[in-house]
Amino acid sequence: MKNMKSGCHCGSGKRAEECCYRDASVVDLTQYRFDQAERELRIKLVDFSHRPEIQAQLGEAFYIWKNDPELSLADLSEEDIDDQTFERFFDWFIFDFKLLDSGKRLLERFYEEYGETLSDTERAILKDWMGNTYSFFEVEEIIEKEGCYIRDIFTGEVVQVKDSSASNKLSRMDIIGARLLKTGNNVYFSGVISVYPQAFKTLIIDFVSREFKEYKKTFGRKRTYQEYLKDWGYLIGQYIEDIVKKPKFLTSEGDELIFASAIYEISDYNKVLNRLRKIKTLNEISGGTDELRVFSWITKGKHKLSGTIELEKDRLTIEGYSLSLLAKAKDLIERKLHGLVTHREDRIKEFESLPKSPTSETQKVKKLPFGVKSSSELDTILDEYYDKWIDTPLQILEGKTPREALKTKKGREKLEYVLRELENVYQHAKERGEPYYDVEKLRKKLRLE
């Protein structure tokens, strides 16, 4: 922690605690008001998230957040998601997830609808929150019973965080994943923080370096690092979680250990056999027959790793233990056997398959959001919401309302895309027993049936 001068900044020469006690009390009172406003704001945001049209998107958002193609939402119940996992997901849902029906984040939508009803303090807090990102930090110093100093591993920025509980559990040089929320003059952790050993720092930096390049290829070269973290940052945590749950086996060259093979059709068995026997890096294994000849092969360099090449009457199969090794062997075979082989397919099998997600029986009961007493009341609320929705400018429709989008061919195509996405969202919600809406009603209102 940086050294603090003992003299008061007012120039009186008195000790700070003697001269500015009154000022310190004012600062503490101001901070207290900010902290109270933060608590009230959080409650309002949670209440806002209980709206039926938002609740219906929770399941789809969870599927996106988990980024697990083997996850079956139809078979996933609330009992399968532990409290810590849900708290991490819900934090992302509130701050970063773009709602599927508007393309806006929940904080942005809340501010648009209720900003004028908030106090000046609440508005100031909310504006700070809308620009924040979930990032990764290295713990530089622990302040006992108060908090810690942490350094962003990407930007190098150092921040003091107020959190007495974290100060008891963190250690210097820990790597943590966290969202920082500024409230008044203080910075706090938002929700659950993830703690990793120092060795994970390089893994995270390398992963982000690769992904940020892909992000800019997808969305444009001018995209910023902060935009990447807002849109794709959640993938970093899932990447680390995957490494923790499923350690990767590596070859001595640093490649991921997998079973990789390439299959070729051959045009002349005898010519292929003769050419294989002339390749110096191949060694024919004894005991072969006319039905099957087997060669072992090694890569050049310090680390020599072998694979096999199997020759049958009508095909040749290369087998190796990493993608880079397979690529080298394929290059060799296609050069030496040019005109005699035709590539058909590659096959890749991981050393260890992904763990299956827990499942339970599909729930068909229609859940009701907080404060809604019956299904008919829910239907009325959703009908009223979408009556307004068709005349609401949407970012995904380039600022046009759904009704206005109908006037052009391009607008109708985009609107049709939005409606199909809504149908998918509500179909999944229906299968999970969550609030859902019949999008066919929207088509009728827009005369698209």
Protein backbone atom coordinates (compact mmCIF):
# COMPACT_ATOMS: atom_id res chain seq x y z
CA MET A 1 0.00 0.00 0.00
CA LYS A 2 1.25 3.50 -0.84
CA ASN A 3 2.62 5.59 2.07
CA MET A 4 0.27 8.32 3.36
CA LYS A 5 1.53 11.68 4.66
CA SER A 6 0.55 12.35 8.25
CA GLY A 7 -0.02 16.10 7.81
CA CYS A 8 -3.42 17.55 6.86
CA HIS A 9 -3.89 18.63 3.23
CA CYS A 10 -5.31 22.01 4.40
CA GLY A 11 -1.81 23.27 5.25
CA SER A 12 -2.41 23.91 8.97
CA GLY A 13 0.34 21.55 10.03
CA LYS A 14 -1.98 19.70 12.38
CA ARG A 15 -2.37 15.95 12.31
CA ALA A 16 -5.00 14.92 9.81
CA GLU A 17 -7.18 13.20 12.40
CA GLU A 18 -7.28 16.41 14.53
CA CYS A 19 -7.86 18.96 11.76
CA CYS A 20 -10.22 17.20 9.40
CA TYR A 21 -12.34 15.07 11.71
CA ARG A 22 -15.44 17.04 10.72
CA ASP A 23 -14.68 16.65 7.01
CA ALA A 24 -14.10 12.91 7.47
CA SER A 25 -17.55 12.63 9.07
CA VAL A 26 -19.11 14.35 6.07
CA VAL A 27 -17.32 11.97 3.70
CA ASP A 28 -18.46 8.96 5.73
CA LEU A 29 -22.05 10.21 5.71
CA THR A 30 -21.94 10.73 1.94
CA GLN A 31 -20.55 7.25 1.44
CA TYR A 32 -23.23 5.85 3.75
CA ARG A 33 -25.90 7.43 1.53
CA PHE A 34 -24.29 5.90 -1.55
CA ASP A 35 -24.20 2.48 0.11
CA GLN A 36 -27.86 2.75 1.06
CA ALA A 37 -28.76 3.79 -2.48
CA GLU A 38 -26.80 0.83 -3.84
CA ARG A 39 -28.81 -1.64 -1.75
CA GLU A 40 -32.11 -0.10 -2.84
CA LEU A 41 -30.98 -0.09 -6.48
CA ARG A 42 -30.09 -3.79 -6.35
CA ILE A 43 -33.56 -4.61 -5.02
CA LYS A 44 -35.17 -2.59 -7.82
CA LEU A 45 -33.08 -4.41 -10.44
CA VAL A 46 -34.04 -7.82 -9.08
CA ASP A 47 -37.71 -6.80 -9.05
CA PHE A 48 -37.37 -5.57 -12.63
CA SER A 49 -35.87 -8.93 -13.66
CA HIS A 50 -39.06 -10.66 -12.39
CA ARG A 51 -41.03 -9.24 -15.31
CA PRO A 52 -42.48 -12.17 -17.30
CA GLU A 53 -40.89 -11.24 -20.63
CA ILE A 54 -37.48 -11.14 -18.89
CA GLN A 55 -37.99 -14.27 -16.78
CA ALA A 56 -38.80 -16.19 -19.97
CA GLN A 57 -35.28 -15.46 -21.26
CA LEU A 58 -33.42 -16.77 -18.19
CA GLY A 59 -33.20 -20.33 -19.48
CA GLU A 60 -31.89 -19.35 -22.90
CA ALA A 61 -29.42 -16.95 -21.27
CA PHE A 62 -28.14 -19.73 -18.99
CA TYR A 63 -27.55 -21.97 -22.00
CA ILE A 64 -25.53 -19.18 -23.68
CA TRP A 65 -23.59 -18.46 -20.48
CA LYS A 66 -22.64 -22.10 -19.90
CA ASN A 67 -21.43 -22.41 -23.52
CA ASP A 68 -21.84 -26.19 -23.27
CA PRO A 69 -23.26 -27.90 -26.39
CA GLU A 70 -24.04 -31.01 -24.34
CA LEU A 71 -26.21 -29.08 -21.89
CA SER A 72 -29.88 -30.01 -22.29
CA LEU A 73 -32.10 -27.24 -20.94
CA ALA A 74 -35.18 -29.40 -21.35
CA ASP A 75 -33.79 -31.79 -18.73
CA LEU A 76 -32.23 -29.18 -16.43
CA SER A 77 -34.13 -28.15 -13.30
CA GLU A 78 -33.41 -25.52 -10.64
CA GLU A 79 -32.20 -28.29 -8.30
CA ASP A 80 -29.35 -29.04 -10.70
CA ILE A 81 -27.89 -25.52 -10.38
CA ASP A 82 -26.10 -24.74 -7.12
CA ASP A 83 -26.46 -21.33 -5.48
CA GLN A 84 -22.93 -20.14 -6.35
CA THR A 85 -23.34 -21.03 -10.01
CA PHE A 86 -26.67 -19.26 -10.21
CA GLU A 87 -25.31 -16.17 -8.45
CA ARG A 88 -22.43 -15.94 -10.95
CA PHE A 89 -24.83 -16.43 -13.86
CA PHE A 90 -27.38 -13.92 -12.56
CA ASP A 91 -24.68 -11.28 -12.09
CA TRP A 92 -23.77 -11.71 -15.79
CA PHE A 93 -27.45 -11.72 -16.76
CA ILE A 94 -28.04 -8.37 -15.03
CA PHE A 95 -24.89 -6.58 -16.23
CA ASP A 96 -23.80 -8.10 -19.57
CA PHE A 97 -26.48 -10.24 -21.24
CA LYS A 98 -28.25 -8.62 -24.20
CA LEU A 99 -31.97 -9.36 -23.90
CA LEU A 100 -33.15 -11.32 -26.91
CA ASP A 101 -36.32 -9.30 -27.52
CA SER A 102 -34.62 -5.88 -27.60
CA GLY A 103 -30.87 -6.36 -27.97
CA LYS A 104 -30.35 -4.19 -24.89
CA ARG A 105 -28.81 -5.11 -21.57
CA LEU A 106 -31.10 -5.29 -18.56
CA LEU A 107 -29.41 -2.28 -16.89
CA GLU A 108 -29.89 -0.20 -20.03
CA ARG A 109 -33.54 -1.14 -20.32
CA PHE A 110 -34.14 -0.46 -16.64
CA TYR A 111 -32.51 2.97 -16.94
CA GLU A 112 -34.61 3.86 -19.99
CA GLU A 113 -37.87 2.94 -18.28
CA TYR A 114 -37.21 4.06 -14.69
CA GLY A 115 -34.28 6.48 -14.87
CA GLU A 116 -36.46 9.52 -14.25
CA THR A 117 -37.93 7.98 -11.09
CA LEU A 118 -34.51 7.31 -9.52
CA SER A 119 -32.71 9.59 -7.10
CA ASP A 120 -29.63 11.51 -8.27
CA THR A 121 -27.45 9.13 -6.25
CA GLU A 122 -29.06 6.03 -7.80
CA ARG A 123 -28.65 7.45 -11.30
CA ALA A 124 -24.96 8.22 -10.65
CA ILE A 125 -24.37 4.66 -9.44
CA LEU A 126 -26.28 3.11 -12.34
CA LYS A 127 -24.33 5.09 -14.95
CA ASP A 128 -21.07 3.78 -13.47
CA TRP A 129 -22.40 0.24 -13.44
CA MET A 130 -23.53 0.25 -17.07
CA GLY A 131 -19.95 0.63 -18.29
CA ASN A 132 -18.29 -1.94 -16.03
CA THR A 133 -16.84 -5.30 -17.07
CA TYR A 134 -16.03 -8.64 -15.48
CA SER A 135 -12.24 -9.00 -15.58
CA PHE A 136 -9.29 -10.82 -14.01
CA PHE A 137 -6.93 -9.43 -11.40
CA GLU A 138 -3.80 -10.29 -9.45
CA VAL A 139 -3.89 -9.62 -5.71
CA GLU A 140 -1.05 -7.22 -4.86
CA GLU A 141 -1.70 -6.46 -1.19
CA ILE A 142 -4.11 -7.51 1.55
CA ILE A 143 -5.40 -4.90 3.99
CA GLU A 144 -6.48 -6.87 7.05
CA LYS A 145 -10.19 -6.58 7.90
CA GLU A 146 -10.65 -3.96 5.19
CA GLY A 147 -10.00 -5.21 1.66
CA CYS A 148 -7.19 -5.48 -0.87
CA TYR A 149 -5.28 -3.87 -3.71
CA ILE A 150 -5.66 -5.74 -7.01
CA ARG A 151 -4.09 -5.22 -10.45
CA ASP A 152 -5.99 -5.89 -13.70
CA ILE A 153 -3.85 -8.49 -15.52
CA PHE A 154 -4.77 -7.00 -18.91
CA THR A 155 -4.61 -3.24 -18.35
CA GLY A 156 -2.26 -3.03 -15.36
CA GLU A 157 -4.66 -0.71 -13.50
CA VAL A 158 -4.48 -1.01 -9.70
CA VAL A 159 -7.72 -0.73 -7.69
CA GLN A 160 -8.43 -0.75 -3.97
CA VAL A 161 -11.44 -2.90 -3.14
CA LYS A 162 -13.40 -2.64 0.10
CA ASP A 163 -14.29 -6.15 1.28
CA SER A 164 -13.40 -7.31 4.79
CA SER A 165 -14.52 -10.87 4.07
CA ALA A 166 -12.30 -11.20 1.01
CA SER A 167 -9.32 -9.86 2.96
CA ASN A 168 -9.55 -12.94 5.20
CA LYS A 169 -9.68 -15.44 2.33
CA LEU A 170 -7.41 -14.03 -0.37
CA SER A 171 -3.63 -14.28 -0.50
CA ARG A 172 -1.07 -12.13 -2.25
CA MET A 173 -0.55 -13.15 -5.91
CA ASP A 174 -3.90 -14.97 -6.13
CA ILE A 175 -5.59 -14.56 -9.52
CA ILE A 176 -9.26 -13.64 -9.21
CA GLY A 177 -12.14 -13.26 -11.62
CA ALA A 178 -14.47 -10.52 -10.46
CA ARG A 179 -16.77 -7.65 -11.37
CA LEU A 180 -15.92 -4.36 -9.65
CA LEU A 181 -18.74 -1.96 -8.83
CA LYS A 182 -18.02 1.67 -8.00
CA THR A 183 -20.33 3.12 -5.36
CA GLY A 184 -19.46 6.65 -4.30
CA ASN A 185 -15.76 6.69 -3.43
CA ASN A 186 -15.61 2.95 -2.76
CA VAL A 187 -15.21 -0.03 -5.05
CA TYR A 188 -16.82 -3.35 -4.11
CA PHE A 189 -16.90 -6.87 -5.52
CA SER A 190 -20.20 -7.73 -7.19
CA GLY A 191 -21.46 -11.15 -6.10
CA VAL A 192 -19.21 -14.22 -6.11
CA ILE A 193 -15.53 -13.91 -7.00
CA SER A 194 -13.51 -16.81 -8.44
CA VAL A 195 -10.01 -17.47 -7.06
CA TYR A 196 -7.29 -19.28 -9.04
CA PRO A 197 -3.62 -20.12 -8.44
CA GLN A 198 -0.92 -17.88 -9.96
CA ALA A 199 -0.22 -20.48 -12.66
CA PHE A 200 -3.55 -19.65 -14.31
CA LYS A 201 -2.45 -16.10 -15.13
CA THR A 202 -0.60 -17.10 -18.32
CA LEU A 203 -3.42 -19.40 -19.41
CA ILE A 204 -5.97 -16.59 -19.08
CA ILE A 205 -3.82 -14.00 -20.89
CA ASP A 206 -3.09 -16.40 -23.78
CA PHE A 207 -6.77 -17.34 -24.12
CA VAL A 208 -7.90 -13.69 -24.15
CA SER A 209 -5.22 -12.75 -26.68
CA ARG A 210 -6.54 -15.40 -29.10
CA GLU A 211 -10.22 -14.67 -28.49
CA PHE A 212 -9.88 -10.90 -28.80
CA LYS A 213 -8.46 -11.36 -32.31
CA GLU A 214 -11.43 -13.56 -33.24
CA TYR A 215 -13.81 -11.03 -31.71
CA LYS A 216 -12.41 -8.22 -33.88
CA LYS A 217 -12.61 -10.44 -36.97
CA THR A 218 -16.29 -11.01 -36.22
CA PHE A 219 -17.37 -7.51 -35.16
CA GLY A 220 -14.78 -5.20 -36.69
CA ARG A 221 -11.18 -4.11 -36.15
CA LYS A 222 -12.19 -1.00 -34.21
CA ARG A 223 -13.82 -2.98 -31.42
CA THR A 224 -12.28 -2.29 -28.02
CA TYR A 225 -11.03 -4.58 -25.30
CA GLN A 226 -13.85 -3.41 -23.02
CA GLU A 227 -16.45 -4.29 -25.66
CA TYR A 228 -14.90 -7.75 -25.95
CA LEU A 229 -15.19 -8.29 -22.18
CA LYS A 230 -18.83 -7.12 -22.17
CA ASP A 231 -19.80 -9.41 -25.06
CA TRP A 232 -17.50 -12.43 -24.80
CA GLY A 233 -15.86 -12.08 -21.37
CA TYR A 234 -18.05 -14.79 -19.83
CA LEU A 235 -16.26 -17.35 -22.04
CA ILE A 236 -13.03 -16.83 -20.07
CA GLY A 237 -14.57 -18.19 -16.88
CA GLN A 238 -16.07 -21.17 -18.72
CA TYR A 239 -12.68 -21.90 -20.32
CA ILE A 240 -10.98 -21.95 -16.91
CA GLU A 241 -13.77 -24.02 -15.40
CA ASP A 242 -13.37 -26.55 -18.19
CA ILE A 243 -9.62 -26.81 -17.49
CA VAL A 244 -10.26 -27.32 -13.76
CA LYS A 245 -12.95 -29.97 -14.33
CA LYS A 246 -11.27 -31.61 -17.28
CA PRO A 247 -7.47 -31.28 -17.24
CA LYS A 248 -5.97 -31.46 -20.72
CA PHE A 249 -3.36 -34.11 -21.46
CA LEU A 250 -0.45 -32.67 -23.44
CA THR A 251 2.23 -34.16 -25.65
CA SER A 252 5.86 -33.31 -24.92
CA GLU A 253 5.61 -30.68 -27.70
CA GLY A 254 2.83 -28.92 -25.78
CA ASP A 255 -0.03 -30.08 -28.04
CA GLU A 256 -3.27 -31.41 -26.62
CA LEU A 257 -3.21 -35.22 -26.57
CA ILE A 258 -5.97 -36.61 -28.77
CA PHE A 259 -6.54 -39.58 -31.06
CA ALA A 260 -6.44 -38.16 -34.59
CA SER A 261 -6.62 -40.08 -37.85
CA ALA A 262 -6.83 -39.38 -41.58
CA ILE A 263 -8.27 -41.84 -44.12
CA TYR A 264 -7.27 -42.03 -47.80
CA GLU A 265 -8.46 -44.14 -50.71
CA ILE A 266 -5.62 -45.65 -52.77
CA SER A 267 -5.47 -46.37 -56.51
CA ASP A 268 -2.62 -48.92 -56.63
CA TYR A 269 -1.71 -50.98 -53.55
CA ASN A 270 1.70 -52.21 -54.80
CA LYS A 271 2.94 -48.77 -55.90
CA VAL A 272 1.84 -47.23 -52.57
CA LEU A 273 3.63 -50.00 -50.62
CA ASN A 274 6.85 -49.54 -52.57
CA ARG A 275 6.86 -45.76 -52.04
CA LEU A 276 6.15 -46.09 -48.31
CA ARG A 277 9.16 -48.40 -47.96
CA LYS A 278 11.39 -45.71 -49.49
CA ILE A 279 10.40 -43.00 -46.97
CA LYS A 280 13.23 -42.74 -44.41
CA THR A 281 11.05 -41.54 -41.52
CA LEU A 282 8.84 -44.64 -41.79
CA ASN A 283 9.68 -48.03 -40.34
CA GLU A 284 7.70 -51.10 -41.44
CA ILE A 285 6.56 -53.14 -38.47
CA SER A 286 7.28 -56.86 -38.81
CA GLY A 287 4.43 -59.35 -38.90
CA GLY A 288 2.40 -57.59 -41.58
CA THR A 289 0.34 -59.46 -44.16
CA ASP A 290 -0.90 -58.74 -47.68
CA GLU A 291 -4.15 -57.65 -46.04
CA LEU A 292 -2.56 -55.15 -43.67
CA ARG A 293 0.85 -53.49 -43.62
CA VAL A 294 1.74 -51.23 -40.68
CA PHE A 295 4.44 -48.54 -40.56
CA SER A 296 5.51 -46.46 -37.58
CA TRP A 297 6.54 -42.86 -38.17
CA ILE A 298 8.37 -40.23 -36.13
CA THR A 299 8.65 -36.46 -36.34
CA LYS A 300 11.99 -34.74 -36.67
CA GLY A 301 13.27 -32.56 -33.86
CA LYS A 302 14.15 -32.79 -30.20
CA HIS A 303 10.92 -34.52 -29.16
CA LYS A 304 10.31 -37.58 -31.34
CA LEU A 305 6.75 -38.83 -31.18
CA SER A 306 5.51 -41.77 -33.19
CA GLY A 307 2.27 -42.58 -34.95
CA THR A 308 1.24 -45.33 -37.31
CA ILE A 309 0.28 -45.71 -40.96
CA GLU A 310 -1.87 -48.69 -41.87
CA LEU A 311 -2.05 -49.86 -45.47
CA GLU A 312 -4.93 -52.04 -46.65
CA LYS A 313 -5.94 -53.16 -50.13
CA ASP A 314 -8.20 -50.16 -50.79
CA ARG A 315 -7.21 -47.55 -48.23
CA LEU A 316 -4.47 -45.96 -46.11
CA THR A 317 -5.01 -44.71 -42.56
CA ILE A 318 -2.73 -42.30 -40.64
CA GLU A 319 -3.04 -42.28 -36.83
CA GLY A 320 -1.38 -39.78 -34.47
CA TYR A 321 -1.75 -38.21 -31.06
CA SER A 322 -2.12 -34.50 -31.80
CA LEU A 323 -3.50 -32.29 -34.56
CA SER A 324 -0.05 -30.91 -35.40
CA LEU A 325 1.42 -34.41 -35.72
CA LEU A 326 -1.45 -35.49 -37.95
CA ALA A 327 -0.96 -32.42 -40.16
CA LYS A 328 2.76 -33.22 -40.59
CA ALA A 329 2.03 -36.85 -41.47
CA LYS A 330 -0.68 -35.87 -43.96
CA ASP A 331 1.70 -33.43 -45.65
CA LEU A 332 4.32 -36.15 -45.92
CA ILE A 333 1.95 -38.76 -47.39
CA GLU A 334 0.30 -36.38 -49.85
CA ARG A 335 3.73 -35.28 -51.17
CA LYS A 336 5.29 -38.74 -51.41
CA LEU A 337 2.17 -40.51 -52.70
CA HIS A 338 0.91 -37.78 -54.99
CA GLY A 339 -1.46 -39.20 -57.58
CA LEU A 340 -1.91 -42.47 -55.69
CA VAL A 341 -4.07 -41.36 -52.74
CA THR A 342 -7.33 -39.42 -52.35
CA HIS A 343 -8.21 -37.92 -48.96
CA ARG A 344 -11.63 -38.94 -47.63
CA GLU A 345 -11.96 -37.81 -44.02
CA ASP A 346 -10.29 -36.90 -40.73
CA ARG A 347 -11.44 -38.25 -37.39
CA ILE A 348 -10.68 -36.73 -34.00
CA LYS A 349 -11.40 -38.22 -30.59
CA GLU A 350 -10.46 -36.48 -27.35
CA PHE A 351 -8.45 -38.40 -24.79
CA GLU A 352 -11.26 -38.07 -22.31
CA SER A 353 -14.85 -37.25 -23.20
CA LEU A 354 -16.62 -34.27 -21.65
CA PRO A 355 -18.57 -34.98 -18.45
CA LYS A 356 -22.29 -35.14 -18.98
CA SER A 357 -24.48 -32.44 -17.49
CA PRO A 358 -26.82 -33.56 -14.71
CA THR A 359 -30.37 -34.10 -15.85
CA SER A 360 -33.80 -34.47 -14.31
CA GLU A 361 -37.29 -35.06 -15.63
CA THR A 362 -38.68 -32.23 -17.74
CA GLN A 363 -40.99 -29.98 -15.81
CA LYS A 364 -44.20 -29.13 -17.60
CA VAL A 365 -45.82 -27.01 -14.91
CA LYS A 366 -46.10 -23.34 -15.88
CA LYS A 367 -44.22 -21.33 -13.26
CA LEU A 368 -45.48 -17.89 -12.33
CA PRO A 369 -43.17 -14.88 -11.85
CA PHE A 370 -42.98 -13.17 -8.49
CA GLY A 371 -46.17 -11.18 -7.79
CA VAL A 372 -48.28 -12.85 -10.52
CA LYS A 373 -51.16 -14.86 -9.05
CA SER A 374 -52.56 -16.81 -12.00
CA SER A 375 -51.88 -17.94 -15.58
CA SER A 376 -54.59 -15.64 -16.91
CA GLU A 377 -52.98 -12.66 -15.17
CA LEU A 378 -49.63 -13.66 -16.68
CA ASP A 379 -51.16 -13.87 -20.17
CA THR A 380 -52.72 -10.42 -19.73
CA ILE A 381 -49.37 -8.92 -18.62
CA LEU A 382 -47.55 -10.41 -21.59
CA ASP A 383 -50.28 -9.31 -24.03
CA GLU A 384 -50.03 -5.74 -22.73
CA TYR A 385 -46.23 -5.82 -22.92
CA TYR A 386 -46.19 -6.95 -26.55
CA ASP A 387 -48.96 -4.51 -27.50
CA LYS A 388 -46.43 -1.81 -26.57
CA TRP A 389 -43.47 -3.75 -27.95
CA ILE A 390 -44.64 -3.55 -31.57
CA ASP A 391 -44.41 0.27 -31.35
CA THR A 392 -41.08 0.34 -29.46
CA PRO A 393 -37.84 1.25 -31.35
CA LEU A 394 -35.46 -1.73 -31.22
CA GLN A 395 -31.70 -1.66 -31.58
CA ILE A 396 -31.79 -4.94 -33.50
CA LEU A 397 -34.11 -3.28 -36.07
CA GLU A 398 -31.75 -0.30 -36.43
CA GLY A 399 -33.90 1.93 -34.25
CA LYS A 400 -37.19 1.14 -36.01
CA THR A 401 -40.27 -0.27 -34.30
CA PRO A 402 -41.53 -3.69 -35.44
CA ARG A 403 -44.50 -1.96 -37.07
CA GLU A 404 -42.18 0.45 -38.95
CA ALA A 405 -39.91 -2.42 -40.03
CA LEU A 406 -42.82 -3.90 -41.99
CA LYS A 407 -42.61 -1.07 -44.53
CA THR A 408 -39.40 -2.32 -46.22
CA LYS A 409 -38.23 -5.70 -47.47
CA LYS A 410 -35.02 -5.50 -45.42
CA GLY A 411 -37.00 -4.50 -42.33
CA ARG A 412 -39.43 -7.40 -42.76
CA GLU A 413 -36.52 -9.85 -43.07
CA LYS A 414 -34.95 -8.57 -39.85
CA LEU A 415 -38.32 -8.61 -38.08
CA GLU A 416 -38.91 -12.19 -39.19
CA TYR A 417 -35.52 -13.11 -37.71
CA VAL A 418 -36.47 -11.45 -34.41
CA LEU A 419 -39.81 -13.29 -34.31
CA ARG A 420 -38.16 -16.64 -34.99
CA GLU A 421 -35.68 -16.01 -32.17
CA LEU A 422 -38.57 -15.13 -29.84
CA GLU A 423 -40.35 -18.33 -30.84
CA ASN A 424 -37.24 -20.35 -29.95
CA VAL A 425 -36.91 -18.54 -26.62
CA TYR A 426 -40.52 -19.11 -25.62
CA GLN A 427 -40.55 -22.70 -26.88
CA HIS A 428 -37.61 -23.50 -24.60
CA ALA A 429 -39.28 -21.58 -21.76
CA LYS A 430 -42.47 -23.60 -22.27
CA GLU A 431 -40.54 -26.88 -22.18
CA ARG A 432 -38.95 -25.86 -18.87
CA GLY A 433 -42.25 -24.81 -17.34
CA GLU A 434 -41.23 -21.12 -17.30
CA PRO A 435 -43.40 -18.13 -18.39
CA TYR A 436 -43.95 -18.20 -22.14
CA TYR A 437 -45.79 -16.23 -24.80
CA ASP A 438 -47.50 -17.37 -27.99
CA VAL A 439 -45.56 -15.46 -30.66
CA GLU A 440 -48.30 -16.30 -33.17
CA LYS A 441 -50.31 -13.55 -31.44
CA LEU A 442 -47.59 -11.08 -32.44
CA ARG A 443 -47.76 -12.22 -36.05
CA LYS A 444 -51.51 -11.60 -36.05
CA LYS A 445 -51.10 -8.15 -34.50
CA LEU A 446 -48.55 -7.33 -37.22
CA ARG A 447 -50.67 -9.07 -39.90
CA LEU A 448 -47.89 -11.52 -40.68
CA GLU A 449 -49.88 -14.72 -40.11
